[in-house]
Amino acid sequence: MSGIVVEIRIDGEELELNDFVQQIIGNALSGAISALKGTKKDWENLNVVVKRIK
């Protein structure tokens, strides 16, 4: 099976995402990351951490 699976956790709690939202977020991140120099074209996992600075 091919495609993209996206999981989002906020402070440890996972948000439920339908397939459409997973594809939109996954494709947006994948496109942005693949444009970066040195990115492998055949990556399997992409981890992004966003922290709010108070």
Foldseek 3Di string as FASTA:
>chain_A
DDDFADWDDDPRRTDDDDRVRRRVVVVVVVVVQVPDPPDDPPDDDDDDDDDDDD
